[in-house]
Amino acid sequence: MPRTITVGLDGSAESRAAAEWAAREADSRGLPVRLVHVWEPVPEPMAQAPLLGAETHQHWTERVPRESAEDLRLRHPGIEVTTEQLTGRPAEALVRAAQDAELLVLGSRGLSGIGGFLVGSVGLAVVASTERPVVLVRAGQQAADEQEKDRAARPTTAAPSGPVVLGLDTRNPDAAPIEFAFETAARQGVPLRVLHGWNEPYYYPYGMAPDPQVIQMVAQSDAAALTEVLQPWRQKYPHVDVVTQSRSGSPSVLLIDASHEASLVVVGRRVRRSALGAHIGPVAHAVLHHATAPVAVVAHD
């Protein structure tokens, strides 16, 4: 099966924003878009209720993916768009769908209850369980504007202009999120901003005044480590304008602050195979909840 940019679709504003983001990404990669709609069967008594009758079922299983595909084809006439219906538990179905995808794109929130499947816990479960890159997209002002446009409006050509922001842990750097960030910045023709947050010496919280010389030494050491980690990637992607920042503070706070001007925030997630189950690290978890830009979570060993 050829690689696709796969979108989890439920009809919400967030999933429509995710589909729009995926179409632009597919265009830049030369890949098709695959819209996946998951229907989770409900108990028979609930299915017979007036608000959950045949018309509602038809809306969610037929109209949502069909109309979304039509909208994308109008807005992005050069992109191949296909739809697929899946049945089962949403998180499990989306994880399976991600296996054959170049990238899985989800809305960062979804409709609650029976109406949709991308409730926060489901989205987090997908991110924690798949080893494919996952991008979560919020429904921002652009998506709201698009809802008001006529379906026959001229195709959109808007492209991201903000930098790609990469959160990097210099102690345990991995190639997967770094390469994802560099490739995305190169493809979009935008700068790459690499952020590394470090903690002040442990004794400062106990009331001792910070020693400026010690702080400067730590800052210089971390900046040097950041430069060393990025050197081979700068050589591989010489046309990417790279800006680095190493400073004291919480990495998640730095990334969340940077997301306000970013076109995409990239964070890594270490794959943990244990009896404790899937897990998302604290930095990725915080960024997913609070970043204003789309967030790409790239799994790595």
Protein backbone atom coordinates (compact mmCIF):
# COMPACT_ATOMS: atom_id res chain seq x y z
CA MET A 1 0.00 0.00 0.00
CA PRO A 2 1.42 3.44 -0.92
CA ARG A 3 2.13 5.85 1.90
CA THR A 4 -0.53 8.43 2.67
CA ILE A 5 -1.17 11.38 4.93
CA THR A 6 -3.96 9.85 7.01
CA VAL A 7 -6.51 12.00 8.83
CA GLY A 8 -8.78 10.92 11.69
CA LEU A 9 -12.09 12.55 10.83
CA ASP A 10 -15.20 13.06 12.98
CA GLY A 11 -16.84 16.16 11.52
CA SER A 12 -15.70 18.55 14.25
CA ALA A 13 -14.02 21.88 13.49
CA GLU A 14 -10.78 20.40 14.83
CA SER A 15 -10.84 17.43 12.48
CA ARG A 16 -11.65 19.70 9.52
CA ALA A 17 -8.66 21.84 10.46
CA ALA A 18 -6.60 18.64 10.62
CA ALA A 19 -7.77 17.66 7.13
CA GLU A 20 -6.84 21.09 5.76
CA TRP A 21 -3.39 20.89 7.37
CA ALA A 22 -2.95 17.35 6.00
CA ALA A 23 -3.84 18.47 2.47
CA ARG A 24 -1.14 21.15 2.48
CA GLU A 25 1.35 18.65 3.89
CA ALA A 26 0.37 16.07 1.27
CA ASP A 27 0.87 18.64 -1.46
CA SER A 28 4.39 19.41 -0.26
CA ARG A 29 5.23 15.69 0.00
CA GLY A 30 3.52 14.58 -3.20
CA LEU A 31 1.32 12.09 -1.33
CA PRO A 32 -2.42 11.35 -1.27
CA VAL A 33 -4.72 12.16 1.64
CA ARG A 34 -6.69 9.38 3.28
CA LEU A 35 -9.68 10.44 5.38
CA VAL A 36 -10.53 7.83 8.00
CA HIS A 37 -13.84 7.93 9.82
CA VAL A 38 -14.35 5.60 12.78
CA TRP A 39 -17.82 4.57 13.84
CA GLU A 40 -18.07 3.05 17.29
CA PRO A 41 -21.23 0.93 17.47
CA VAL A 42 -23.64 1.78 20.27
CA PRO A 43 -25.89 -0.57 22.21
CA GLU A 44 -29.11 -1.41 20.40
CA PRO A 45 -31.44 0.43 22.82
CA MET A 46 -29.42 3.62 22.35
CA ALA A 47 -29.32 3.18 18.59
CA GLN A 48 -33.15 3.17 18.52
CA ALA A 49 -33.42 6.42 20.48
CA PRO A 50 -34.88 9.36 18.50
CA LEU A 51 -31.61 11.31 18.46
CA LEU A 52 -29.60 8.27 17.42
CA GLY A 53 -31.78 6.94 14.63
CA ALA A 54 -31.04 6.08 11.03
CA GLU A 55 -30.54 9.68 9.90
CA THR A 56 -27.92 10.35 12.57
CA HIS A 57 -26.12 7.12 11.80
CA GLN A 58 -26.11 7.95 8.10
CA HIS A 59 -24.75 11.42 8.81
CA TRP A 60 -21.73 10.18 10.70
CA THR A 61 -20.97 7.17 8.52
CA GLU A 62 -21.58 8.68 5.08
CA ARG A 63 -21.98 12.44 4.97
CA VAL A 64 -19.03 13.47 7.13
CA PRO A 65 -16.25 11.79 5.11
CA ARG A 66 -17.96 12.41 1.76
CA GLU A 67 -18.48 16.13 2.32
CA SER A 68 -15.01 16.56 3.81
CA ALA A 69 -13.45 14.86 0.79
CA GLU A 70 -15.44 17.08 -1.57
CA ASP A 71 -14.31 20.20 0.26
CA LEU A 72 -10.64 19.14 0.12
CA ARG A 73 -10.82 18.35 -3.60
CA LEU A 74 -12.28 21.81 -4.27
CA ARG A 75 -9.67 23.57 -2.17
CA HIS A 76 -6.74 21.40 -3.29
CA PRO A 77 -7.53 20.16 -6.81
CA GLY A 78 -4.09 18.60 -7.26
CA ILE A 79 -4.40 16.29 -4.23
CA GLU A 80 -5.75 12.74 -4.42
CA VAL A 81 -8.29 12.27 -1.60
CA THR A 82 -9.76 8.94 -0.55
CA THR A 83 -12.10 7.98 2.28
CA GLU A 84 -12.30 4.90 4.45
CA GLN A 85 -14.86 3.73 6.99
CA LEU A 86 -13.63 1.83 10.04
CA THR A 87 -15.64 0.27 12.84
CA GLY A 88 -14.48 -0.45 16.37
CA ARG A 89 -12.81 1.26 19.28
CA PRO A 90 -11.58 4.60 17.95
CA ALA A 91 -8.08 4.61 19.46
CA GLU A 92 -7.37 1.06 18.33
CA ALA A 93 -8.72 1.71 14.83
CA LEU A 94 -6.64 4.85 14.42
CA VAL A 95 -3.46 3.13 15.63
CA ARG A 96 -4.03 0.42 13.00
CA ALA A 97 -4.67 3.06 10.35
CA ALA A 98 -1.43 4.82 11.26
CA GLN A 99 0.65 1.71 10.51
CA ASP A 100 0.32 2.25 6.75
CA ALA A 101 0.60 6.04 6.91
CA GLU A 102 3.51 8.37 6.37
CA LEU A 103 1.86 10.62 8.94
CA LEU A 104 -1.30 10.53 11.04
CA VAL A 105 -3.09 13.85 11.56
CA LEU A 106 -5.74 14.36 14.25
CA GLY A 107 -7.80 17.22 15.58
CA SER A 108 -6.55 18.19 19.01
CA ARG A 109 -10.07 18.03 20.37
CA GLY A 110 -13.28 16.46 19.19
CA LEU A 111 -16.97 16.16 19.80
CA SER A 112 -17.86 14.59 23.13
CA GLY A 113 -20.11 11.65 23.76
CA ILE A 114 -21.44 9.53 20.93
CA GLY A 115 -21.02 12.28 18.35
CA GLY A 116 -17.29 11.99 17.86
CA PHE A 117 -14.23 9.98 18.72
CA LEU A 118 -11.34 12.38 19.21
CA VAL A 119 -12.00 13.07 22.85
CA GLY A 120 -8.77 14.05 24.62
CA SER A 121 -8.13 10.65 26.12
CA VAL A 122 -8.51 8.94 22.74
CA GLY A 123 -6.11 11.32 21.00
CA LEU A 124 -3.55 10.84 23.76
CA ALA A 125 -3.97 7.06 23.59
CA VAL A 126 -3.24 7.13 19.85
CA VAL A 127 -0.13 9.28 20.33
CA ALA A 128 1.12 6.98 23.08
CA SER A 129 0.47 3.75 21.15
CA THR A 130 1.64 4.34 17.59
CA GLU A 131 5.24 4.51 16.43
CA ARG A 132 4.34 6.62 13.40
CA PRO A 133 4.59 10.44 13.60
CA VAL A 134 1.32 12.03 14.76
CA VAL A 135 0.34 15.68 14.25
CA LEU A 136 -2.42 17.23 16.35
CA VAL A 137 -4.09 20.35 14.95
CA ARG A 138 -6.30 22.84 16.71
CA ALA A 139 -9.23 24.63 15.08
CA GLY A 140 -7.87 28.17 15.01
CA GLN A 141 -9.10 31.33 13.39
CA GLN A 142 -8.23 30.10 9.92
CA ALA A 143 -10.41 27.04 10.32
CA ALA A 144 -13.26 29.16 11.64
CA ASP A 145 -13.00 31.47 8.63
CA GLU A 146 -13.03 28.53 6.28
CA GLN A 147 -16.34 27.35 7.69
CA GLU A 148 -17.95 30.57 6.48
CA LYS A 149 -16.64 30.34 2.95
CA ASP A 150 -18.78 29.11 0.11
CA ARG A 151 -18.06 25.53 -0.88
CA ALA A 152 -17.25 26.74 -4.41
CA ALA A 153 -14.64 29.24 -3.18
CA ARG A 154 -11.31 29.39 -4.97
CA PRO A 155 -8.79 26.78 -3.81
CA THR A 156 -6.62 27.83 -0.92
CA THR A 157 -2.92 28.38 -1.51
CA ALA A 158 -2.00 29.56 1.97
CA ALA A 159 1.26 28.13 3.28
CA PRO A 160 2.77 28.28 6.75
CA SER A 161 5.22 31.12 7.31
CA GLY A 162 6.18 30.71 10.96
CA PRO A 163 9.24 28.69 11.97
CA VAL A 164 9.26 25.01 12.78
CA VAL A 165 10.09 24.71 16.47
CA LEU A 166 11.97 21.66 17.75
CA GLY A 167 12.32 20.77 21.41
CA LEU A 168 15.64 18.99 21.87
CA ASP A 169 17.07 17.12 24.86
CA THR A 170 20.83 17.23 24.34
CA ARG A 171 21.39 14.47 26.90
CA ASN A 172 19.39 11.91 24.90
CA PRO A 173 19.11 13.22 21.34
CA ASP A 174 17.53 10.95 18.76
CA ALA A 175 17.68 11.27 15.00
CA ALA A 176 13.96 10.75 14.30
CA PRO A 177 12.48 14.03 15.68
CA ILE A 178 15.53 16.03 14.57
CA GLU A 179 15.28 14.79 10.98
CA PHE A 180 11.51 15.28 10.96
CA ALA A 181 11.95 18.92 12.01
CA PHE A 182 14.75 19.63 9.52
CA GLU A 183 12.87 17.97 6.64
CA THR A 184 9.69 19.89 7.42
CA ALA A 185 11.51 23.23 7.62
CA ALA A 186 13.34 22.52 4.36
CA ARG A 187 10.16 21.48 2.57
CA GLN A 188 8.18 24.48 3.79
CA GLY A 189 11.02 26.94 3.27
CA VAL A 190 10.81 28.30 6.83
CA PRO A 191 13.43 28.67 9.57
CA LEU A 192 14.01 25.99 12.18
CA ARG A 193 14.13 27.14 15.80
CA VAL A 194 15.70 24.61 18.15
CA LEU A 195 14.99 25.03 21.87
CA HIS A 196 16.71 23.39 24.81
CA GLY A 197 15.70 24.09 28.39
CA TRP A 198 17.94 23.31 31.34
CA ASN A 199 17.53 23.50 35.07
CA GLU A 200 19.59 25.65 37.39
CA PRO A 201 21.85 23.89 39.93
CA TYR A 202 19.75 21.93 42.40
CA TYR A 203 20.70 23.96 45.48
CA TYR A 204 19.11 27.22 44.25
CA PRO A 205 15.58 26.28 45.31
CA TYR A 206 16.85 25.94 48.86
CA GLY A 207 17.39 29.67 49.17
CA MET A 208 20.98 30.11 47.99
CA ALA A 209 21.54 33.03 45.66
CA PRO A 210 22.44 32.08 42.08
CA ASP A 211 26.12 32.35 41.26
CA PRO A 212 26.36 34.22 37.91
CA GLN A 213 29.58 32.44 37.01
CA VAL A 214 28.05 29.02 37.58
CA ILE A 215 24.98 29.97 35.54
CA GLN A 216 27.19 31.19 32.73
CA MET A 217 29.24 27.98 32.77
CA VAL A 218 26.12 25.83 32.60
CA ALA A 219 24.70 27.96 29.80
CA GLN A 220 27.90 27.74 27.79
CA SER A 221 28.14 23.98 28.30
CA ASP A 222 24.55 23.40 27.18
CA ALA A 223 24.92 25.72 24.19
CA ALA A 224 28.03 23.82 23.12
CA ALA A 225 26.21 20.49 23.46
CA LEU A 226 23.33 21.84 21.36
CA THR A 227 25.74 23.00 18.64
CA GLU A 228 27.47 19.61 18.60
CA VAL A 229 24.22 17.65 18.28
CA LEU A 230 22.96 19.80 15.41
CA GLN A 231 26.22 20.00 13.44
CA PRO A 232 25.64 16.95 11.18
CA TRP A 233 22.06 18.04 10.50
CA ARG A 234 23.16 21.53 9.52
CA GLN A 235 25.51 19.90 7.02
CA LYS A 236 22.77 17.63 5.66
CA TYR A 237 20.31 20.53 5.33
CA PRO A 238 22.56 23.51 4.51
CA HIS A 239 19.70 25.65 3.19
CA VAL A 240 17.70 25.51 6.43
CA ASP A 241 18.09 28.65 8.52
CA VAL A 242 18.67 27.29 12.05
CA VAL A 243 18.28 29.40 15.17
CA THR A 244 19.22 27.79 18.50
CA GLN A 245 18.26 28.80 22.00
CA SER A 246 19.53 27.18 25.20
CA ARG A 247 18.28 28.73 28.40
CA SER A 248 17.26 27.87 31.93
CA GLY A 249 13.64 26.98 32.46
CA SER A 250 11.05 24.31 31.83
CA PRO A 251 11.36 22.85 28.31
CA SER A 252 7.58 22.58 28.01
CA VAL A 253 7.07 26.24 28.97
CA LEU A 254 9.67 27.34 26.43
CA LEU A 255 7.99 25.30 23.69
CA ILE A 256 4.50 26.50 24.59
CA ASP A 257 5.67 30.12 24.48
CA ALA A 258 7.38 29.54 21.12
CA SER A 259 4.26 27.89 19.67
CA HIS A 260 2.51 31.26 19.39
CA GLU A 261 4.70 32.16 16.41
CA ALA A 262 5.37 28.66 15.06
CA SER A 263 3.91 26.85 12.08
CA LEU A 264 4.66 23.51 13.77
CA VAL A 265 6.12 22.33 17.09
CA VAL A 266 8.06 19.04 17.01
CA VAL A 267 8.64 16.95 20.12
CA GLY A 268 9.99 13.45 20.57
CA ARG A 269 8.41 10.58 22.46
CA ARG A 270 10.48 7.69 23.68
CA VAL A 271 8.88 4.34 22.92
CA ARG A 272 8.47 2.36 26.12
CA ARG A 273 7.64 -1.31 25.75
CA SER A 274 6.76 -2.51 29.22
CA ALA A 275 4.00 -4.03 31.30
CA LEU A 276 3.05 -0.52 32.39
CA GLY A 277 1.68 0.19 28.92
CA ALA A 278 1.97 3.20 26.64
CA HIS A 279 3.27 6.47 28.00
CA ILE A 280 3.72 10.06 26.87
CA GLY A 281 6.54 12.04 28.45
CA PRO A 282 5.72 15.11 30.56
CA VAL A 283 7.08 17.60 28.02
CA ALA A 284 5.13 16.15 25.09
CA HIS A 285 2.03 15.86 27.26
CA ALA A 286 2.17 19.52 28.33
CA VAL A 287 2.86 20.77 24.81
CA LEU A 288 -0.03 18.75 23.36
CA HIS A 289 -2.42 20.36 25.81
CA HIS A 290 -1.23 23.96 25.68
CA ALA A 291 0.58 24.73 22.42
CA THR A 292 -1.34 26.97 20.03
CA ALA A 293 0.37 25.65 16.88
CA PRO A 294 0.03 22.14 15.43
CA VAL A 295 2.20 19.67 17.34
CA ALA A 296 4.07 16.76 15.79
CA VAL A 297 4.96 13.92 18.14
CA VAL A 298 7.72 11.71 16.71
CA ALA A 299 8.31 8.37 18.42
CA HIS A 300 11.85 7.10 18.82
CA ASP A 301 13.72 4.35 20.69
